Amino acid sequence: MWGQIVALHGRYPKALAWLQEGWWNDEELLETLCAIAVWRVEVDDAGVDSREELAFHLQLRELSQVLRQVGGGVTKAWKPSALPDEWRDG
């Protein structure tokens, strides 16, 4: 899942530019990002209805607005990197 979210950030850097370091500690945001990442893979793999693509981008835009409103500034912006310790099996 981490790799899918990193890929999503790489594909849509402007939409996810306001994603802050430690986002994985916010359960709602974590679940939303996981769902959007899975949705993107499903659209890429089996998308046959252009309305799915439009719906995906509308949801991504809405998430981008939420991230922007929460703020945090560029100094706290998440830069995709290796899996954080919290995600490792321990």
PDB file of N, CA and C in Angstrom:
ATOM      1  N   MET A   1       0.828  -1.190   0.000  1.00  0.00           N
ATOM      2  CA  MET A   1       0.000   0.000   0.000  1.00  0.00           C
ATOM      3  C   MET A   1       0.874   1.255   0.000  1.00  0.00           C
ATOM      4  N   TRP A   2       1.974   1.208   0.778  1.00  0.00           N
ATOM      5  CA  TRP A   2       2.863   2.374   0.814  1.00  0.00           C
ATOM      6  C   TRP A   2       3.334   2.727  -0.593  1.00  0.00           C
ATOM      7  N   GLY A   3       3.741   1.716  -1.341  1.00  0.00           N
ATOM      8  CA  GLY A   3       4.220   1.934  -2.709  1.00  0.00           C
ATOM      9  C   GLY A   3       3.157   2.540  -3.602  1.00  0.00           C
ATOM     10  N   GLN A   4       1.909   2.127  -3.425  1.00  0.00           N
ATOM     11  CA  GLN A   4       0.822   2.691  -4.226  1.00  0.00           C
ATOM     12  C   GLN A   4       0.598   4.160  -3.889  1.00  0.00           C
ATOM     13  N   ILE A   5       0.728   4.506  -2.623  1.00  0.00           N
ATOM     14  CA  ILE A   5       0.545   5.908  -2.223  1.00  0.00           C
ATOM     15  C   ILE A   5       1.715   6.754  -2.721  1.00  0.00           C
ATOM     16  N   VAL A   6       2.926   6.222  -2.659  1.00  0.00           N
ATOM     17  CA  VAL A   6       4.084   6.926  -3.212  1.00  0.00           C
ATOM     18  C   VAL A   6       3.877   7.152  -4.712  1.00  0.00           C
ATOM     19  N   ALA A   7       3.398   6.118  -5.413  1.00  0.00           N
ATOM     20  CA  ALA A   7       3.138   6.238  -6.849  1.00  0.00           C
ATOM     21  C   ALA A   7       2.052   7.272  -7.135  1.00  0.00           C
ATOM     22  N   LEU A   8       1.006   7.285  -6.312  1.00  0.00           N
ATOM     23  CA  LEU A   8      -0.069   8.263  -6.476  1.00  0.00           C
ATOM     24  C   LEU A   8       0.481   9.677  -6.308  1.00  0.00           C
ATOM     25  N   HIS A   9       1.316   9.877  -5.305  1.00  0.00           N
ATOM     26  CA  HIS A   9       1.925  11.192  -5.072  1.00  0.00           C
ATOM     27  C   HIS A   9       2.799  11.590  -6.259  1.00  0.00           C
ATOM     28  N   GLY A  10       3.530  10.633  -6.806  1.00  0.00           N
ATOM     29  CA  GLY A  10       4.371  10.913  -7.965  1.00  0.00           C
ATOM     30  C   GLY A  10       3.569  11.256  -9.204  1.00  0.00           C
ATOM     31  N   ARG A  11       2.410  10.630  -9.339  1.00  0.00           N
ATOM     32  CA  ARG A  11       1.553  10.862 -10.507  1.00  0.00           C
ATOM     33  C   ARG A  11       0.779  12.170 -10.398  1.00  0.00           C
ATOM     34  N   TYR A  12       0.399  12.530  -9.172  1.00  0.00           N
ATOM     35  CA  TYR A  12      -0.406  13.743  -8.949  1.00  0.00           C
ATOM     36  C   TYR A  12       0.252  14.644  -7.901  1.00  0.00           C
ATOM     37  N   PRO A  13       1.459  15.126  -8.177  1.00  0.00           N
ATOM     38  CA  PRO A  13       2.173  15.912  -7.164  1.00  0.00           C
ATOM     39  C   PRO A  13       1.486  17.228  -6.807  1.00  0.00           C
ATOM     40  N   LYS A  14       0.823  17.855  -7.749  1.00  0.00           N
ATOM     41  CA  LYS A  14       0.140  19.119  -7.429  1.00  0.00           C
ATOM     42  C   LYS A  14      -1.058  18.871  -6.523  1.00  0.00           C
ATOM     43  N   ALA A  15      -1.832  17.844  -6.819  1.00  0.00           N
ATOM     44  CA  ALA A  15      -3.021  17.550  -6.016  1.00  0.00           C
ATOM     45  C   ALA A  15      -2.645  17.157  -4.593  1.00  0.00           C
ATOM     46  N   LEU A  16      -1.492  16.514  -4.432  1.00  0.00           N
ATOM     47  CA  LEU A  16      -1.084  16.037  -3.110  1.00  0.00           C
ATOM     48  C   LEU A  16       0.043  16.871  -2.506  1.00  0.00           C
ATOM     49  N   ALA A  17       0.261  18.043  -3.041  1.00  0.00           N
ATOM     50  CA  ALA A  17       1.354  18.899  -2.571  1.00  0.00           C
ATOM     51  C   ALA A  17       1.201  19.307  -1.106  1.00  0.00           C
ATOM     52  N   TRP A  18      -0.013  19.346  -0.595  1.00  0.00           N
ATOM     53  CA  TRP A  18      -0.245  19.785   0.787  1.00  0.00           C
ATOM     54  C   TRP A  18      -0.267  18.628   1.779  1.00  0.00           C
ATOM     55  N   LEU A  19       0.024  17.433   1.317  1.00  0.00           N
ATOM     56  CA  LEU A  19       0.094  16.277   2.209  1.00  0.00           C
ATOM     57  C   LEU A  19       1.267  16.475   3.168  1.00  0.00           C
ATOM     58  N   GLN A  20       0.989  16.377   4.452  1.00  0.00           N
ATOM     59  CA  GLN A  20       1.992  16.695   5.463  1.00  0.00           C
ATOM     60  C   GLN A  20       2.687  15.450   6.000  1.00  0.00           C
ATOM     61  N   GLU A  21       3.911  15.635   6.453  1.00  0.00           N
ATOM     62  CA  GLU A  21       4.675  14.567   7.089  1.00  0.00           C
ATOM     63  C   GLU A  21       3.848  13.969   8.232  1.00  0.00           C
ATOM     64  N   GLY A  22       3.862  12.667   8.354  1.00  0.00           N
ATOM     65  CA  GLY A  22       3.112  11.989   9.409  1.00  0.00           C
ATOM     66  C   GLY A  22       1.644  11.764   9.090  1.00  0.00           C
ATOM     67  N   TRP A  23       1.239  11.960   7.821  1.00  0.00           N
ATOM     68  CA  TRP A  23      -0.169  11.799   7.438  1.00  0.00           C
ATOM     69  C   TRP A  23      -0.702  10.425   7.835  1.00  0.00           C
ATOM     70  N   TRP A  24       0.164   9.429   7.913  1.00  0.00           N
ATOM     71  CA  TRP A  24      -0.258   8.069   8.223  1.00  0.00           C
ATOM     72  C   TRP A  24      -0.749   7.916   9.658  1.00  0.00           C
ATOM     73  N   ASN A  25      -0.534   8.936  10.485  1.00  0.00           N
ATOM     74  CA  ASN A  25      -1.037   8.904  11.860  1.00  0.00           C
ATOM     75  C   ASN A  25      -2.467   9.421  11.977  1.00  0.00           C
ATOM     76  N   ASP A  26      -3.006   9.953  10.906  1.00  0.00           N
ATOM     77  CA  ASP A  26      -4.389  10.434  10.862  1.00  0.00           C
ATOM     78  C   ASP A  26      -5.224   9.347  10.185  1.00  0.00           C
ATOM     79  N   GLU A  27      -5.990   8.607  10.979  1.00  0.00           N
ATOM     80  CA  GLU A  27      -6.725   7.437  10.488  1.00  0.00           C
ATOM     81  C   GLU A  27      -7.630   7.767   9.295  1.00  0.00           C
ATOM     82  N   GLU A  28      -8.345   8.871   9.370  1.00  0.00           N
ATOM     83  CA  GLU A  28      -9.248   9.249   8.283  1.00  0.00           C
ATOM     84  C   GLU A  28      -8.473   9.530   6.995  1.00  0.00           C
ATOM     85  N   LEU A  29      -7.400  10.265   7.108  1.00  0.00           N
ATOM     86  CA  LEU A  29      -6.586  10.582   5.941  1.00  0.00           C
ATOM     87  C   LEU A  29      -5.911   9.323   5.393  1.00  0.00           C
ATOM     88  N   LEU A  30      -5.415   8.499   6.280  1.00  0.00           N
ATOM     89  CA  LEU A  30      -4.788   7.240   5.872  1.00  0.00           C
ATOM     90  C   LEU A  30      -5.764   6.386   5.068  1.00  0.00           C
ATOM     91  N   GLU A  31      -6.962   6.200   5.584  1.00  0.00           N
ATOM     92  CA  GLU A  31      -7.957   5.378   4.894  1.00  0.00           C
ATOM     93  C   GLU A  31      -8.366   5.992   3.561  1.00  0.00           C
ATOM     94  N   THR A  32      -8.477   7.312   3.525  1.00  0.00           N
ATOM     95  CA  THR A  32      -8.838   7.990   2.280  1.00  0.00           C
ATOM     96  C   THR A  32      -7.754   7.809   1.225  1.00  0.00           C
ATOM     97  N   LEU A  33      -6.509   8.017   1.608  1.00  0.00           N
ATOM     98  CA  LEU A  33      -5.405   7.849   0.657  1.00  0.00           C
ATOM     99  C   LEU A  33      -5.296   6.408   0.168  1.00  0.00           C
ATOM    100  N   CYS A  34      -5.470   5.449   1.060  1.00  0.00           N
ATOM    101  CA  CYS A  34      -5.439   4.039   0.651  1.00  0.00           C
ATOM    102  C   CYS A  34      -6.550   3.748  -0.340  1.00  0.00           C
ATOM    103  N   ALA A  35      -7.747   4.244  -0.062  1.00  0.00           N
ATOM    104  CA  ALA A  35      -8.877   4.007  -0.955  1.00  0.00           C
ATOM    105  C   ALA A  35      -8.652   4.645  -2.328  1.00  0.00           C
ATOM    106  N   ILE A  36      -8.136   5.854  -2.345  1.00  0.00           N
ATOM    107  CA  ILE A  36      -7.880   6.535  -3.614  1.00  0.00           C
ATOM    108  C   ILE A  36      -6.771   5.823  -4.392  1.00  0.00           C
ATOM    109  N   ALA A  37      -5.753   5.357  -3.692  1.00  0.00           N
ATOM    110  CA  ALA A  37      -4.663   4.634  -4.362  1.00  0.00           C
ATOM    111  C   ALA A  37      -5.173   3.342  -4.994  1.00  0.00           C
ATOM    112  N   VAL A  38      -5.995   2.608  -4.263  1.00  0.00           N
ATOM    113  CA  VAL A  38      -6.577   1.369  -4.807  1.00  0.00           C
ATOM    114  C   VAL A  38      -7.497   1.689  -5.972  1.00  0.00           C
ATOM    115  N   TRP A  39      -8.293   2.734  -5.832  1.00  0.00           N
ATOM    116  CA  TRP A  39      -9.207   3.147  -6.901  1.00  0.00           C
ATOM    117  C   TRP A  39      -8.422   3.463  -8.167  1.00  0.00           C
ATOM    118  N   ARG A  40      -7.293   4.179  -8.030  1.00  0.00           N
ATOM    119  CA  ARG A  40      -6.485   4.531  -9.203  1.00  0.00           C
ATOM    120  C   ARG A  40      -5.988   3.271  -9.915  1.00  0.00           C
ATOM    121  N   VAL A  41      -5.539   2.293  -9.153  1.00  0.00           N
ATOM    122  CA  VAL A  41      -5.071   1.039  -9.741  1.00  0.00           C
ATOM    123  C   VAL A  41      -6.212   0.342 -10.469  1.00  0.00           C
ATOM    124  N   GLU A  42      -7.392   0.319  -9.853  1.00  0.00           N
ATOM    125  CA  GLU A  42      -8.544  -0.327 -10.480  1.00  0.00           C
ATOM    126  C   GLU A  42      -8.947   0.378 -11.776  1.00  0.00           C
ATOM    127  N   VAL A  43      -8.939   1.695 -11.779  1.00  0.00           N
ATOM    128  CA  VAL A  43      -9.267   2.438 -13.000  1.00  0.00           C
ATOM    129  C   VAL A  43      -8.235   2.140 -14.084  1.00  0.00           C
ATOM    130  N   ASP A  44      -6.961   2.120 -13.702  1.00  0.00           N
ATOM    131  CA  ASP A  44      -5.901   1.832 -14.671  1.00  0.00           C
ATOM    132  C   ASP A  44      -6.002   0.414 -15.221  1.00  0.00           C
ATOM    133  N   ASP A  45      -6.330  -0.539 -14.355  1.00  0.00           N
ATOM    134  CA  ASP A  45      -6.346  -1.939 -14.765  1.00  0.00           C
ATOM    135  C   ASP A  45      -7.605  -2.345 -15.515  1.00  0.00           C
ATOM    136  N   ALA A  46      -8.743  -1.782 -15.120  1.00  0.00           N
ATOM    137  CA  ALA A  46      -9.995  -2.274 -15.691  1.00  0.00           C
ATOM    138  C   ALA A  46     -10.975  -1.173 -16.077  1.00  0.00           C
ATOM    139  N   GLY A  47     -10.542   0.059 -16.024  1.00  0.00           N
ATOM    140  CA  GLY A  47     -11.453   1.165 -16.314  1.00  0.00           C
ATOM    141  C   GLY A  47     -11.948   1.140 -17.749  1.00  0.00           C
ATOM    142  N   VAL A  48     -13.239   1.015 -17.898  1.00  0.00           N
ATOM    143  CA  VAL A  48     -13.833   1.020 -19.229  1.00  0.00           C
ATOM    144  C   VAL A  48     -14.854   2.140 -19.382  1.00  0.00           C
ATOM    145  N   ASP A  49     -15.220   2.730 -18.275  1.00  0.00           N
ATOM    146  CA  ASP A  49     -16.225   3.784 -18.275  1.00  0.00           C
ATOM    147  C   ASP A  49     -15.535   5.106 -17.949  1.00  0.00           C
ATOM    148  N   SER A  50     -15.569   6.036 -18.871  1.00  0.00           N
ATOM    149  CA  SER A  50     -14.886   7.318 -18.662  1.00  0.00           C
ATOM    150  C   SER A  50     -15.442   8.078 -17.462  1.00  0.00           C
ATOM    151  N   ARG A  51     -16.651   7.745 -17.040  1.00  0.00           N
ATOM    152  CA  ARG A  51     -17.220   8.402 -15.856  1.00  0.00           C
ATOM    153  C   ARG A  51     -16.444   8.025 -14.597  1.00  0.00           C
ATOM    154  N   GLU A  52     -15.847   6.834 -14.579  1.00  0.00           N
ATOM    155  CA  GLU A  52     -15.012   6.438 -13.445  1.00  0.00           C
ATOM    156  C   GLU A  52     -13.782   7.345 -13.349  1.00  0.00           C
ATOM    157  N   GLU A  53     -13.194   7.634 -14.489  1.00  0.00           N
ATOM    158  CA  GLU A  53     -12.025   8.529 -14.516  1.00  0.00           C
ATOM    159  C   GLU A  53     -12.414   9.913 -14.012  1.00  0.00           C
ATOM    160  N   LEU A  54     -13.540  10.412 -14.466  1.00  0.00           N
ATOM    161  CA  LEU A  54     -14.004  11.727 -14.018  1.00  0.00           C
ATOM    162  C   LEU A  54     -14.301  11.727 -12.523  1.00  0.00           C
ATOM    163  N   ALA A  55     -14.961  10.692 -12.040  1.00  0.00           N
ATOM    164  CA  ALA A  55     -15.278  10.591 -10.610  1.00  0.00           C
ATOM    165  C   ALA A  55     -14.005  10.540  -9.777  1.00  0.00           C
ATOM    166  N   PHE A  56     -13.018   9.782 -10.245  1.00  0.00           N
ATOM    167  CA  PHE A  56     -11.746   9.712  -9.533  1.00  0.00           C
ATOM    168  C   PHE A  56     -11.117  11.095  -9.398  1.00  0.00           C
ATOM    169  N   HIS A  57     -11.062  11.829 -10.494  1.00  0.00           N
ATOM    170  CA  HIS A  57     -10.415  13.141 -10.460  1.00  0.00           C
ATOM    171  C   HIS A  57     -11.188  14.143  -9.620  1.00  0.00           C
ATOM    172  N   LEU A  58     -12.499  14.038  -9.592  1.00  0.00           N
ATOM    173  CA  LEU A  58     -13.271  14.909  -8.710  1.00  0.00           C
ATOM    174  C   LEU A  58     -12.965  14.613  -7.248  1.00  0.00           C
ATOM    175  N   GLN A  59     -12.858  13.340  -6.909  1.00  0.00           N
ATOM    176  CA  GLN A  59     -12.538  12.972  -5.529  1.00  0.00           C
ATOM    177  C   GLN A  59     -11.120  13.395  -5.157  1.00  0.00           C
ATOM    178  N   LEU A  60     -10.194  13.246  -6.090  1.00  0.00           N
ATOM    179  CA  LEU A  60      -8.819  13.680  -5.848  1.00  0.00           C
ATOM    180  C   LEU A  60      -8.770  15.193  -5.630  1.00  0.00           C
ATOM    181  N   ARG A  61      -9.529  15.934  -6.413  1.00  0.00           N
ATOM    182  CA  ARG A  61      -9.577  17.395  -6.252  1.00  0.00           C
ATOM    183  C   ARG A  61     -10.157  17.766  -4.887  1.00  0.00           C
ATOM    184  N   GLU A  62     -11.184  17.034  -4.457  1.00  0.00           N
ATOM    185  CA  GLU A  62     -11.772  17.307  -3.147  1.00  0.00           C
ATOM    186  C   GLU A  62     -10.756  17.036  -2.036  1.00  0.00           C
ATOM    187  N   LEU A  63     -10.016  15.939  -2.128  1.00  0.00           N
ATOM    188  CA  LEU A  63      -8.982  15.639  -1.146  1.00  0.00           C
ATOM    189  C   LEU A  63      -7.917  16.735  -1.147  1.00  0.00           C
ATOM    190  N   SER A  64      -7.531  17.201  -2.305  1.00  0.00           N
ATOM    191  CA  SER A  64      -6.544  18.265  -2.415  1.00  0.00           C
ATOM    192  C   SER A  64      -7.017  19.522  -1.681  1.00  0.00           C
ATOM    193  N   GLN A  65      -8.286  19.859  -1.820  1.00  0.00           N
ATOM    194  CA  GLN A  65      -8.849  21.026  -1.130  1.00  0.00           C
ATOM    195  C   GLN A  65      -8.810  20.839   0.384  1.00  0.00           C
ATOM    196  N   VAL A  66      -9.141  19.643   0.850  1.00  0.00           N
ATOM    197  CA  VAL A  66      -9.097  19.357   2.281  1.00  0.00           C
ATOM    198  C   VAL A  66      -7.672  19.508   2.800  1.00  0.00           C
ATOM    199  N   LEU A  67      -6.712  18.952   2.079  1.00  0.00           N
ATOM    200  CA  LEU A  67      -5.311  19.064   2.494  1.00  0.00           C
ATOM    201  C   LEU A  67      -4.863  20.515   2.539  1.00  0.00           C
ATOM    202  N   ARG A  68      -5.276  21.293   1.574  1.00  0.00           N
ATOM    203  CA  ARG A  68      -4.909  22.708   1.516  1.00  0.00           C
ATOM    204  C   ARG A  68      -5.503  23.467   2.701  1.00  0.00           C
ATOM    205  N   GLN A  69      -6.750  23.144   3.060  1.00  0.00           N
ATOM    206  CA  GLN A  69      -7.402  23.823   4.178  1.00  0.00           C
ATOM    207  C   GLN A  69      -6.741  23.485   5.505  1.00  0.00           C
ATOM    208  N   VAL A  70      -6.311  22.237   5.653  1.00  0.00           N
ATOM    209  CA  VAL A  70      -5.631  21.829   6.885  1.00  0.00           C
ATOM    210  C   VAL A  70      -4.293  22.546   6.988  1.00  0.00           C
ATOM    211  N   GLY A  71      -3.650  22.734   5.838  1.00  0.00           N
ATOM    212  CA  GLY A  71      -2.399  23.494   5.786  1.00  0.00           C
ATOM    213  C   GLY A  71      -1.239  22.780   6.427  1.00  0.00           C
ATOM    214  N   GLY A  72      -0.295  23.562   6.868  1.00  0.00           N
ATOM    215  CA  GLY A  72       0.909  23.019   7.472  1.00  0.00           C
ATOM    216  C   GLY A  72       2.166  23.601   6.861  1.00  0.00           C
ATOM    217  N   GLY A  73       2.044  24.153   5.670  1.00  0.00           N
ATOM    218  CA  GLY A  73       3.188  24.794   5.032  1.00  0.00           C
ATOM    219  C   GLY A  73       4.133  23.822   4.366  1.00  0.00           C
ATOM    220  N   VAL A  74       4.979  24.376   3.519  1.00  0.00           N
ATOM    221  CA  VAL A  74       5.900  23.552   2.741  1.00  0.00           C
ATOM    222  C   VAL A  74       6.984  22.923   3.598  1.00  0.00           C
ATOM    223  N   THR A  75       7.302  23.516   4.741  1.00  0.00           N
ATOM    224  CA  THR A  75       8.362  22.941   5.565  1.00  0.00           C
ATOM    225  C   THR A  75       7.948  21.612   6.177  1.00  0.00           C
ATOM    226  N   LYS A  76       6.655  21.368   6.281  1.00  0.00           N
ATOM    227  CA  LYS A  76       6.160  20.113   6.831  1.00  0.00           C
ATOM    228  C   LYS A  76       5.627  19.182   5.746  1.00  0.00           C
ATOM    229  N   ALA A  77       5.760  19.574   4.506  1.00  0.00           N
ATOM    230  CA  ALA A  77       5.236  18.771   3.401  1.00  0.00           C
ATOM    231  C   ALA A  77       5.933  17.416   3.344  1.00  0.00           C
ATOM    232  N   TRP A  78       5.156  16.384   3.057  1.00  0.00           N
ATOM    233  CA  TRP A  78       5.676  15.024   2.970  1.00  0.00           C
ATOM    234  C   TRP A  78       6.469  14.852   1.691  1.00  0.00           C
ATOM    235  N   LYS A  79       7.624  14.282   1.820  1.00  0.00           N
ATOM    236  CA  LYS A  79       8.440  13.922   0.669  1.00  0.00           C
ATOM    237  C   LYS A  79       8.513  12.403   0.663  1.00  0.00           C
ATOM    238  N   PRO A  80       7.934  11.768  -0.351  1.00  0.00           N
ATOM    239  CA  PRO A  80       7.913  10.301  -0.380  1.00  0.00           C
ATOM    240  C   PRO A  80       9.294   9.706  -0.156  1.00  0.00           C
ATOM    241  N   SER A  81       9.325   8.704   0.679  1.00  0.00           N
ATOM    242  CA  SER A  81      10.579   8.049   1.014  1.00  0.00           C
ATOM    243  C   SER A  81      10.289   6.613   1.423  1.00  0.00           C
ATOM    244  N   ALA A  82      11.227   6.023   2.108  1.00  0.00           N
ATOM    245  CA  ALA A  82      11.081   4.641   2.551  1.00  0.00           C
ATOM    246  C   ALA A  82       9.924   4.497   3.540  1.00  0.00           C
ATOM    247  N   LEU A  83       9.480   3.301   3.669  1.00  0.00           N
ATOM    248  CA  LEU A  83       8.402   2.951   4.588  1.00  0.00           C
ATOM    249  C   LEU A  83       8.752   3.411   5.998  1.00  0.00           C
ATOM    250  N   PRO A  84       7.840   4.148   6.663  1.00  0.00           N
ATOM    251  CA  PRO A  84       8.138   4.597   8.027  1.00  0.00           C
ATOM    252  C   PRO A  84       8.116   3.423   9.009  1.00  0.00           C
ATOM    253  N   ASP A  85       8.791   3.587  10.124  1.00  0.00           N
ATOM    254  CA  ASP A  85       8.856   2.531  11.133  1.00  0.00           C
ATOM    255  C   ASP A  85       7.465   2.088  11.593  1.00  0.00           C
ATOM    256  N   GLU A  86       6.520   3.020  11.666  1.00  0.00           N
ATOM    257  CA  GLU A  86       5.169   2.687  12.118  1.00  0.00           C
ATOM    258  C   GLU A  86       4.480   1.666  11.207  1.00  0.00           C
ATOM    259  N   TRP A  87       4.925   1.564   9.952  1.00  0.00           N
ATOM    260  CA  TRP A  87       4.307   0.662   8.994  1.00  0.00           C
ATOM    261  C   TRP A  87       4.997  -0.700   8.951  1.00  0.00           C
ATOM    262  N   ARG A  88       6.111  -0.803   9.591  1.00  0.00           N
ATOM    263  CA  ARG A  88       6.855  -2.069   9.560  1.00  0.00           C
ATOM    264  C   ARG A  88       6.272  -3.048  10.569  1.00  0.00           C
ATOM    265  N   ASP A  89       6.257  -4.310  10.191  1.00  0.00           N
ATOM    266  CA  ASP A  89       5.828  -5.350  11.139  1.00  0.00           C
ATOM    267  C   ASP A  89       6.869  -5.442  12.234  1.00  0.00           C
ATOM    268  N   GLY A  90       6.407  -5.490  13.454  1.00  0.00           N
ATOM    269  CA  GLY A  90       7.372  -5.399  14.484  1.00  0.00           C
ATOM    270  C   GLY A  90       7.478  -6.500  15.415  1.00  0.00           C
TER     271      GLY A  90
END
